[in-house]
Amino acid sequence: MTLARPISPINCRRCCWLWYLQSICARCTTVLFFELEPDNPNSRVGGVFIYTGHVSLEFAKGVLFDDPQAVLEGKGKFRRHIKLRALHDITAKTCNSFLRQAIALT
């Protein structure tokens, strides 16, 4: 995974969420997939963004995902995201399912 800029130590708890999400990604694929080809913007399938009140897991082609429980948020043309406000949201909102779908669409 390539980060747009270094993570500042704004909140240790949210950084832990980021590392936990990365570990889920590692179990889904051998490549951390947010940017499948380094320095190729067309290979970017999503990302993790840290905000004051939540962590956002975002998918470039999220509109194409199967989402029977309506977990994904967003009304854009393609992009969808999941807001994670607590660590247990990662499993409760089935993030690994969406990560696998993102990989399958590449």
N, C-alpha and C. Protein backbone atom coordinates (compact mmCIF):
# COMPACT_ATOMS: atom_id res chain seq x y z
N MET A 1 0.85 -1.17 0.00
CA MET A 1 0.00 0.00 0.00
C MET A 1 0.89 1.23 0.00
N THR A 2 0.53 2.19 -0.75
CA THR A 2 1.26 3.44 -0.82
C THR A 2 0.45 4.53 -0.14
N LEU A 3 1.07 5.23 0.78
CA LEU A 3 0.37 6.32 1.47
C LEU A 3 0.63 7.63 0.76
N ALA A 4 -0.41 8.45 0.68
CA ALA A 4 -0.27 9.75 0.03
C ALA A 4 0.68 10.64 0.82
N ARG A 5 0.63 10.54 2.13
CA ARG A 5 1.54 11.29 2.99
C ARG A 5 1.69 10.52 4.29
N PRO A 6 2.76 10.73 5.03
CA PRO A 6 2.96 10.01 6.28
C PRO A 6 1.82 10.26 7.27
N ILE A 7 1.54 9.23 8.06
CA ILE A 7 0.50 9.35 9.09
C ILE A 7 1.08 10.10 10.28
N SER A 8 0.43 11.16 10.67
CA SER A 8 0.87 11.88 11.87
C SER A 8 0.27 11.19 13.09
N PRO A 9 0.92 11.30 14.22
CA PRO A 9 0.41 10.62 15.41
C PRO A 9 -0.77 11.36 16.02
N ILE A 10 -1.84 11.59 15.23
CA ILE A 10 -2.98 12.36 15.73
C ILE A 10 -3.78 11.59 16.77
N ASN A 11 -3.83 10.30 16.60
CA ASN A 11 -4.61 9.51 17.54
C ASN A 11 -4.16 8.07 17.43
N CYS A 12 -3.52 7.57 18.46
CA CYS A 12 -2.97 6.22 18.45
C CYS A 12 -4.05 5.18 18.18
N ARG A 13 -5.22 5.37 18.75
CA ARG A 13 -6.30 4.40 18.56
C ARG A 13 -6.67 4.27 17.09
N ARG A 14 -6.80 5.38 16.40
CA ARG A 14 -7.16 5.32 14.98
C ARG A 14 -6.03 4.72 14.14
N CYS A 15 -4.80 4.95 14.53
CA CYS A 15 -3.69 4.33 13.82
C CYS A 15 -3.73 2.82 14.01
N CYS A 16 -4.13 2.36 15.19
CA CYS A 16 -4.29 0.93 15.43
C CYS A 16 -5.35 0.35 14.50
N TRP A 17 -6.41 1.11 14.29
CA TRP A 17 -7.45 0.66 13.35
C TRP A 17 -6.84 0.46 11.97
N LEU A 18 -6.01 1.40 11.54
CA LEU A 18 -5.38 1.32 10.23
C LEU A 18 -4.55 0.04 10.12
N TRP A 19 -3.77 -0.26 11.13
CA TRP A 19 -2.94 -1.46 11.08
C TRP A 19 -3.80 -2.72 11.11
N TYR A 20 -4.91 -2.69 11.85
CA TYR A 20 -5.81 -3.84 11.87
C TYR A 20 -6.43 -4.05 10.49
N LEU A 21 -6.86 -2.97 9.85
CA LEU A 21 -7.41 -3.08 8.49
C LEU A 21 -6.36 -3.63 7.53
N GLN A 22 -5.12 -3.20 7.69
CA GLN A 22 -4.06 -3.72 6.82
C GLN A 22 -3.86 -5.21 7.03
N SER A 23 -4.01 -5.68 8.27
CA SER A 23 -3.85 -7.12 8.52
C SER A 23 -4.98 -7.90 7.85
N ILE A 24 -6.19 -7.35 7.82
CA ILE A 24 -7.29 -8.00 7.11
C ILE A 24 -6.97 -8.05 5.63
N CYS A 25 -6.47 -6.97 5.09
CA CYS A 25 -6.09 -6.93 3.67
C CYS A 25 -5.06 -8.01 3.36
N ALA A 26 -4.11 -8.16 4.24
CA ALA A 26 -3.05 -9.14 4.02
C ALA A 26 -3.60 -10.55 3.97
N ARG A 27 -4.68 -10.82 4.72
CA ARG A 27 -5.30 -12.14 4.69
C ARG A 27 -6.12 -12.35 3.42
N CYS A 28 -6.57 -11.27 2.80
CA CYS A 28 -7.38 -11.37 1.58
C CYS A 28 -6.52 -11.55 0.34
N THR A 29 -5.32 -11.05 0.38
CA THR A 29 -4.45 -11.08 -0.79
C THR A 29 -3.00 -11.00 -0.33
N THR A 30 -2.10 -11.37 -1.20
CA THR A 30 -0.68 -11.27 -0.84
C THR A 30 -0.15 -9.86 -1.04
N VAL A 31 -0.95 -9.00 -1.65
CA VAL A 31 -0.55 -7.62 -1.89
C VAL A 31 -1.50 -6.70 -1.15
N LEU A 32 -0.98 -5.72 -0.44
CA LEU A 32 -1.85 -4.69 0.12
C LEU A 32 -2.29 -3.86 -1.06
N PHE A 33 -3.55 -3.86 -1.33
CA PHE A 33 -4.05 -3.58 -2.66
C PHE A 33 -4.52 -2.17 -2.94
N PHE A 34 -4.42 -1.25 -2.03
CA PHE A 34 -5.00 0.06 -2.30
C PHE A 34 -4.43 0.68 -3.57
N GLU A 35 -3.18 0.41 -3.84
CA GLU A 35 -2.58 0.80 -5.12
C GLU A 35 -1.85 -0.44 -5.62
N LEU A 36 -2.50 -1.15 -6.55
CA LEU A 36 -1.97 -2.43 -6.99
C LEU A 36 -0.65 -2.30 -7.75
N GLU A 37 -0.51 -1.24 -8.50
CA GLU A 37 0.72 -0.98 -9.24
C GLU A 37 1.29 0.34 -8.74
N PRO A 38 2.45 0.32 -8.11
CA PRO A 38 3.02 1.56 -7.58
C PRO A 38 3.07 2.67 -8.63
N ASP A 39 2.66 3.84 -8.22
CA ASP A 39 2.68 5.04 -9.06
C ASP A 39 1.76 4.97 -10.28
N ASN A 40 0.78 4.07 -10.25
CA ASN A 40 -0.20 4.00 -11.34
C ASN A 40 -1.57 4.37 -10.79
N PRO A 41 -2.02 5.60 -10.99
CA PRO A 41 -3.31 6.03 -10.44
C PRO A 41 -4.49 5.17 -10.89
N ASN A 42 -4.38 4.52 -12.05
CA ASN A 42 -5.47 3.67 -12.53
C ASN A 42 -5.61 2.38 -11.73
N SER A 43 -4.60 2.03 -10.94
CA SER A 43 -4.66 0.80 -10.15
C SER A 43 -5.16 1.03 -8.73
N ARG A 44 -5.53 2.26 -8.42
CA ARG A 44 -6.00 2.56 -7.07
C ARG A 44 -7.45 2.10 -6.91
N VAL A 45 -7.65 1.19 -5.96
CA VAL A 45 -8.99 0.65 -5.75
C VAL A 45 -9.64 1.15 -4.47
N GLY A 46 -8.90 1.86 -3.65
CA GLY A 46 -9.48 2.36 -2.41
C GLY A 46 -8.42 2.89 -1.48
N GLY A 47 -8.83 3.13 -0.25
CA GLY A 47 -7.89 3.65 0.73
C GLY A 47 -8.51 3.76 2.10
N VAL A 48 -7.66 4.07 3.05
CA VAL A 48 -8.08 4.27 4.44
C VAL A 48 -7.73 5.70 4.79
N PHE A 49 -8.72 6.42 5.32
CA PHE A 49 -8.53 7.83 5.65
C PHE A 49 -8.92 8.05 7.11
N ILE A 50 -8.08 8.76 7.84
CA ILE A 50 -8.30 8.99 9.27
C ILE A 50 -8.86 10.40 9.47
N TYR A 51 -10.02 10.47 10.09
CA TYR A 51 -10.66 11.74 10.41
C TYR A 51 -10.75 11.89 11.93
N THR A 52 -11.20 13.02 12.40
CA THR A 52 -11.29 13.27 13.84
C THR A 52 -12.22 12.28 14.53
N GLY A 53 -13.38 12.03 13.97
CA GLY A 53 -14.38 11.19 14.63
C GLY A 53 -14.51 9.78 14.12
N HIS A 54 -13.78 9.44 13.04
CA HIS A 54 -13.92 8.10 12.48
C HIS A 54 -12.77 7.79 11.52
N VAL A 55 -12.70 6.54 11.14
CA VAL A 55 -11.80 6.09 10.08
C VAL A 55 -12.68 5.68 8.92
N SER A 56 -12.32 6.08 7.71
CA SER A 56 -13.12 5.77 6.54
C SER A 56 -12.37 4.79 5.64
N LEU A 57 -13.02 3.67 5.35
CA LEU A 57 -12.50 2.69 4.40
C LEU A 57 -13.24 2.94 3.09
N GLU A 58 -12.50 3.34 2.05
CA GLU A 58 -13.14 3.80 0.82
C GLU A 58 -12.76 2.92 -0.37
N PHE A 59 -13.73 2.77 -1.27
CA PHE A 59 -13.56 1.91 -2.44
C PHE A 59 -13.89 2.68 -3.71
N ALA A 60 -12.97 2.67 -4.66
CA ALA A 60 -13.15 3.42 -5.90
C ALA A 60 -14.32 2.91 -6.74
N LYS A 61 -14.57 1.60 -6.71
CA LYS A 61 -15.67 1.01 -7.50
C LYS A 61 -16.75 0.42 -6.59
N GLY A 62 -16.94 1.03 -5.44
CA GLY A 62 -17.88 0.51 -4.46
C GLY A 62 -19.31 0.41 -4.95
N VAL A 63 -19.67 1.21 -5.93
CA VAL A 63 -21.03 1.17 -6.48
C VAL A 63 -21.35 -0.21 -7.07
N LEU A 64 -20.33 -0.96 -7.46
CA LEU A 64 -20.52 -2.28 -8.07
C LEU A 64 -20.60 -3.41 -7.06
N PHE A 65 -20.39 -3.13 -5.79
CA PHE A 65 -20.34 -4.17 -4.77
C PHE A 65 -21.72 -4.70 -4.42
N ASP A 66 -21.75 -5.97 -4.04
CA ASP A 66 -22.94 -6.57 -3.45
C ASP A 66 -22.99 -6.12 -1.99
N ASP A 67 -24.04 -5.44 -1.60
CA ASP A 67 -24.17 -4.87 -0.25
C ASP A 67 -25.59 -5.08 0.28
N PRO A 68 -25.98 -6.33 0.56
CA PRO A 68 -27.36 -6.61 0.96
C PRO A 68 -27.76 -5.97 2.29
N GLN A 69 -26.80 -5.67 3.16
CA GLN A 69 -27.12 -5.08 4.46
C GLN A 69 -26.98 -3.56 4.46
N ALA A 70 -26.76 -2.97 3.29
CA ALA A 70 -26.65 -1.51 3.13
C ALA A 70 -25.62 -0.89 4.08
N VAL A 71 -24.44 -1.48 4.11
CA VAL A 71 -23.34 -0.99 4.95
C VAL A 71 -22.64 0.19 4.29
N LEU A 72 -22.48 0.13 2.98
CA LEU A 72 -21.74 1.17 2.26
C LEU A 72 -22.50 2.49 2.25
N GLU A 73 -21.73 3.56 2.38
CA GLU A 73 -22.30 4.91 2.33
C GLU A 73 -21.74 5.64 1.12
N GLY A 74 -22.40 6.70 0.74
CA GLY A 74 -21.93 7.54 -0.36
C GLY A 74 -22.92 7.54 -1.51
N LYS A 75 -22.96 8.65 -2.18
CA LYS A 75 -23.90 8.81 -3.29
C LYS A 75 -23.20 9.23 -4.58
N GLY A 76 -21.88 9.11 -4.60
CA GLY A 76 -21.13 9.49 -5.79
C GLY A 76 -21.36 8.52 -6.94
N LYS A 77 -20.81 8.85 -8.07
CA LYS A 77 -21.00 8.04 -9.27
C LYS A 77 -20.40 6.64 -9.12
N PHE A 78 -19.24 6.51 -8.47
CA PHE A 78 -18.58 5.22 -8.33
C PHE A 78 -18.17 4.88 -6.90
N ARG A 79 -17.60 5.84 -6.19
CA ARG A 79 -16.98 5.61 -4.89
C ARG A 79 -18.02 5.35 -3.79
N ARG A 80 -17.68 4.40 -2.90
CA ARG A 80 -18.47 4.15 -1.70
C ARG A 80 -17.50 4.01 -0.53
N HIS A 81 -18.00 4.22 0.69
CA HIS A 81 -17.13 4.14 1.87
C HIS A 81 -17.88 3.54 3.05
N ILE A 82 -17.09 3.13 4.03
CA ILE A 82 -17.61 2.62 5.30
C ILE A 82 -16.99 3.47 6.39
N LYS A 83 -17.82 4.06 7.24
CA LYS A 83 -17.32 4.83 8.38
C LYS A 83 -17.17 3.89 9.56
N LEU A 84 -15.98 3.87 10.13
CA LEU A 84 -15.67 3.03 11.28
C LEU A 84 -15.47 3.93 12.49
N ARG A 85 -16.37 3.82 13.43
CA ARG A 85 -16.31 4.67 14.63
C ARG A 85 -15.78 3.91 15.85
N ALA A 86 -15.74 2.61 15.76
CA ALA A 86 -15.21 1.77 16.84
C ALA A 86 -14.50 0.58 16.20
N LEU A 87 -13.55 0.00 16.90
CA LEU A 87 -12.77 -1.10 16.36
C LEU A 87 -13.67 -2.26 15.95
N HIS A 88 -14.70 -2.55 16.72
CA HIS A 88 -15.57 -3.68 16.39
C HIS A 88 -16.37 -3.46 15.10
N ASP A 89 -16.44 -2.21 14.63
CA ASP A 89 -17.12 -1.94 13.35
C ASP A 89 -16.44 -2.66 12.19
N ILE A 90 -15.16 -2.92 12.31
CA ILE A 90 -14.43 -3.58 11.22
C ILE A 90 -15.03 -4.95 10.94
N THR A 91 -15.35 -5.69 11.98
CA THR A 91 -15.98 -7.00 11.78
C THR A 91 -17.49 -6.89 11.64
N ALA A 92 -18.11 -6.01 12.41
CA ALA A 92 -19.57 -5.87 12.36
C ALA A 92 -20.04 -5.41 10.99
N LYS A 93 -19.25 -4.60 10.32
CA LYS A 93 -19.63 -4.08 9.00
C LYS A 93 -19.01 -4.91 7.87
N THR A 94 -18.55 -6.10 8.20
CA THR A 94 -17.99 -7.07 7.24
C THR A 94 -17.01 -6.45 6.24
N CYS A 95 -16.05 -5.73 6.76
CA CYS A 95 -15.06 -5.07 5.89
C CYS A 95 -14.31 -6.06 5.01
N ASN A 96 -14.02 -7.26 5.54
CA ASN A 96 -13.28 -8.22 4.74
C ASN A 96 -14.04 -8.63 3.48
N SER A 97 -15.36 -8.69 3.55
CA SER A 97 -16.18 -9.00 2.38
C SER A 97 -16.01 -7.94 1.29
N PHE A 98 -16.01 -6.69 1.70
CA PHE A 98 -15.85 -5.60 0.73
C PHE A 98 -14.43 -5.54 0.18
N LEU A 99 -13.44 -5.85 1.02
CA LEU A 99 -12.06 -5.90 0.54
C LEU A 99 -11.90 -6.97 -0.53
N ARG A 100 -12.51 -8.13 -0.29
CA ARG A 100 -12.44 -9.21 -1.28
C ARG A 100 -13.13 -8.82 -2.59
N GLN A 101 -14.25 -8.12 -2.48
CA GLN A 101 -14.94 -7.68 -3.69
C GLN A 101 -14.09 -6.68 -4.48
N ALA A 102 -13.41 -5.80 -3.76
CA ALA A 102 -12.55 -4.81 -4.42
C ALA A 102 -11.43 -5.52 -5.19
N ILE A 103 -10.86 -6.54 -4.59
CA ILE A 103 -9.79 -7.30 -5.23
C ILE A 103 -10.33 -8.01 -6.47
N ALA A 104 -11.51 -8.59 -6.35
CA ALA A 104 -12.11 -9.34 -7.46
C ALA A 104 -12.41 -8.44 -8.67
N LEU A 105 -12.67 -7.17 -8.43
CA LEU A 105 -13.01 -6.25 -9.52
C LEU A 105 -11.80 -5.68 -10.25
N THR A 106 -10.60 -6.00 -9.77
CA THR A 106 -9.41 -5.44 -10.42
C THR A 106 -8.91 -6.34 -11.53
